[in-house]
Amino acid sequence: MPTPLPPFDLDVLRTFVAIVDHGGFTRAAERVGRTQSTISL
């Protein structure tokens, strides 16, 4: 039996998609309502 995967944080996925969609950390941070430093972390 394969080892189950750990739970995936959908907020992290949304943030990653925002970075790609908006072309950078600063604009993505504005979109998801977080600071740029939090997004880049």
N, C-alpha and C. Protein backbone atom coordinates (compact mmCIF):
# COMPACT_ATOMS: atom_id res chain seq x y z
N MET A 1 0.85 -1.17 0.00
CA MET A 1 0.00 0.00 0.00
C MET A 1 0.90 1.25 0.00
N PRO A 2 0.65 2.21 -0.91
CA PRO A 2 1.49 3.41 -0.97
C PRO A 2 1.27 4.31 0.24
N THR A 3 2.31 5.05 0.57
CA THR A 3 2.24 5.99 1.68
C THR A 3 1.33 7.16 1.30
N PRO A 4 0.37 7.52 2.16
CA PRO A 4 -0.52 8.65 1.82
C PRO A 4 0.26 9.96 1.78
N LEU A 5 -0.17 10.85 0.91
CA LEU A 5 0.45 12.16 0.81
C LEU A 5 0.01 13.05 1.96
N PRO A 6 0.88 13.96 2.40
CA PRO A 6 0.46 14.89 3.46
C PRO A 6 -0.61 15.83 2.92
N PRO A 7 -1.42 16.41 3.79
CA PRO A 7 -2.44 17.34 3.32
C PRO A 7 -1.80 18.52 2.59
N PHE A 8 -2.45 18.98 1.54
CA PHE A 8 -1.92 20.09 0.74
C PHE A 8 -2.64 21.37 1.10
N ASP A 9 -1.88 22.42 1.31
CA ASP A 9 -2.44 23.72 1.68
C ASP A 9 -2.90 24.46 0.41
N LEU A 10 -4.20 24.57 0.24
CA LEU A 10 -4.74 25.22 -0.96
C LEU A 10 -4.40 26.71 -1.01
N ASP A 11 -4.18 27.32 0.14
CA ASP A 11 -3.79 28.73 0.17
C ASP A 11 -2.43 28.92 -0.50
N VAL A 12 -1.53 27.98 -0.30
CA VAL A 12 -0.21 28.04 -0.94
C VAL A 12 -0.37 27.92 -2.45
N LEU A 13 -1.23 27.03 -2.90
CA LEU A 13 -1.47 26.87 -4.33
C LEU A 13 -2.07 28.14 -4.93
N ARG A 14 -3.05 28.74 -4.26
CA ARG A 14 -3.65 29.99 -4.74
C ARG A 14 -2.60 31.10 -4.84
N THR A 15 -1.71 31.16 -3.86
CA THR A 15 -0.66 32.17 -3.88
C THR A 15 0.28 31.94 -5.04
N PHE A 16 0.67 30.70 -5.28
CA PHE A 16 1.55 30.37 -6.40
C PHE A 16 0.90 30.76 -7.73
N VAL A 17 -0.36 30.44 -7.89
CA VAL A 17 -1.08 30.79 -9.12
C VAL A 17 -1.15 32.31 -9.28
N ALA A 18 -1.36 33.03 -8.19
CA ALA A 18 -1.40 34.50 -8.25
C ALA A 18 -0.05 35.06 -8.69
N ILE A 19 1.03 34.48 -8.22
CA ILE A 19 2.36 34.94 -8.62
C ILE A 19 2.54 34.77 -10.13
N VAL A 20 2.16 33.62 -10.63
CA VAL A 20 2.29 33.35 -12.06
C VAL A 20 1.35 34.26 -12.86
N ASP A 21 0.10 34.36 -12.45
CA ASP A 21 -0.89 35.16 -13.18
C ASP A 21 -0.55 36.64 -13.22
N HIS A 22 0.01 37.16 -12.13
CA HIS A 22 0.25 38.60 -12.02
C HIS A 22 1.70 38.99 -12.29
N GLY A 23 2.52 38.02 -12.59
CA GLY A 23 3.88 38.31 -13.04
C GLY A 23 4.86 38.75 -11.98
N GLY A 24 4.57 38.50 -10.73
CA GLY A 24 5.54 38.87 -9.70
C GLY A 24 4.95 38.81 -8.30
N PHE A 25 5.85 38.92 -7.34
CA PHE A 25 5.45 38.79 -5.95
C PHE A 25 4.65 40.00 -5.45
N THR A 26 5.03 41.19 -5.86
CA THR A 26 4.36 42.39 -5.35
C THR A 26 2.90 42.43 -5.78
N ARG A 27 2.64 42.23 -7.07
CA ARG A 27 1.25 42.26 -7.54
C ARG A 27 0.45 41.08 -6.99
N ALA A 28 1.08 39.94 -6.87
CA ALA A 28 0.40 38.78 -6.29
C ALA A 28 0.03 39.05 -4.84
N ALA A 29 0.92 39.69 -4.11
CA ALA A 29 0.65 40.01 -2.71
C ALA A 29 -0.56 40.92 -2.59
N GLU A 30 -0.64 41.92 -3.46
CA GLU A 30 -1.81 42.80 -3.46
C GLU A 30 -3.08 42.01 -3.74
N ARG A 31 -3.00 41.07 -4.65
CA ARG A 31 -4.16 40.28 -5.06
C ARG A 31 -4.68 39.38 -3.93
N VAL A 32 -3.76 38.75 -3.21
CA VAL A 32 -4.18 37.81 -2.16
C VAL A 32 -4.26 38.45 -0.77
N GLY A 33 -3.92 39.76 -0.69
CA GLY A 33 -4.06 40.48 0.58
C GLY A 33 -2.99 40.17 1.60
N ARG A 34 -1.77 39.96 1.12
CA ARG A 34 -0.64 39.71 2.02
C ARG A 34 0.50 40.64 1.64
N THR A 35 1.52 40.68 2.48
CA THR A 35 2.67 41.51 2.16
C THR A 35 3.56 40.80 1.15
N GLN A 36 4.39 41.57 0.47
CA GLN A 36 5.31 41.00 -0.51
C GLN A 36 6.29 40.05 0.16
N SER A 37 6.76 40.41 1.34
CA SER A 37 7.71 39.54 2.03
C SER A 37 7.10 38.20 2.42
N THR A 38 5.83 38.21 2.79
CA THR A 38 5.14 36.96 3.13
C THR A 38 5.01 36.08 1.89
N ILE A 39 4.68 36.68 0.77
CA ILE A 39 4.53 35.92 -0.46
C ILE A 39 5.85 35.31 -0.90
N SER A 40 6.92 36.08 -0.84
CA SER A 40 8.21 35.57 -1.30
C SER A 40 8.77 34.51 -0.36
N LEU A 41 8.34 34.52 0.88
CA LEU A 41 8.79 33.50 1.85
C LEU A 41 8.26 32.16 1.43
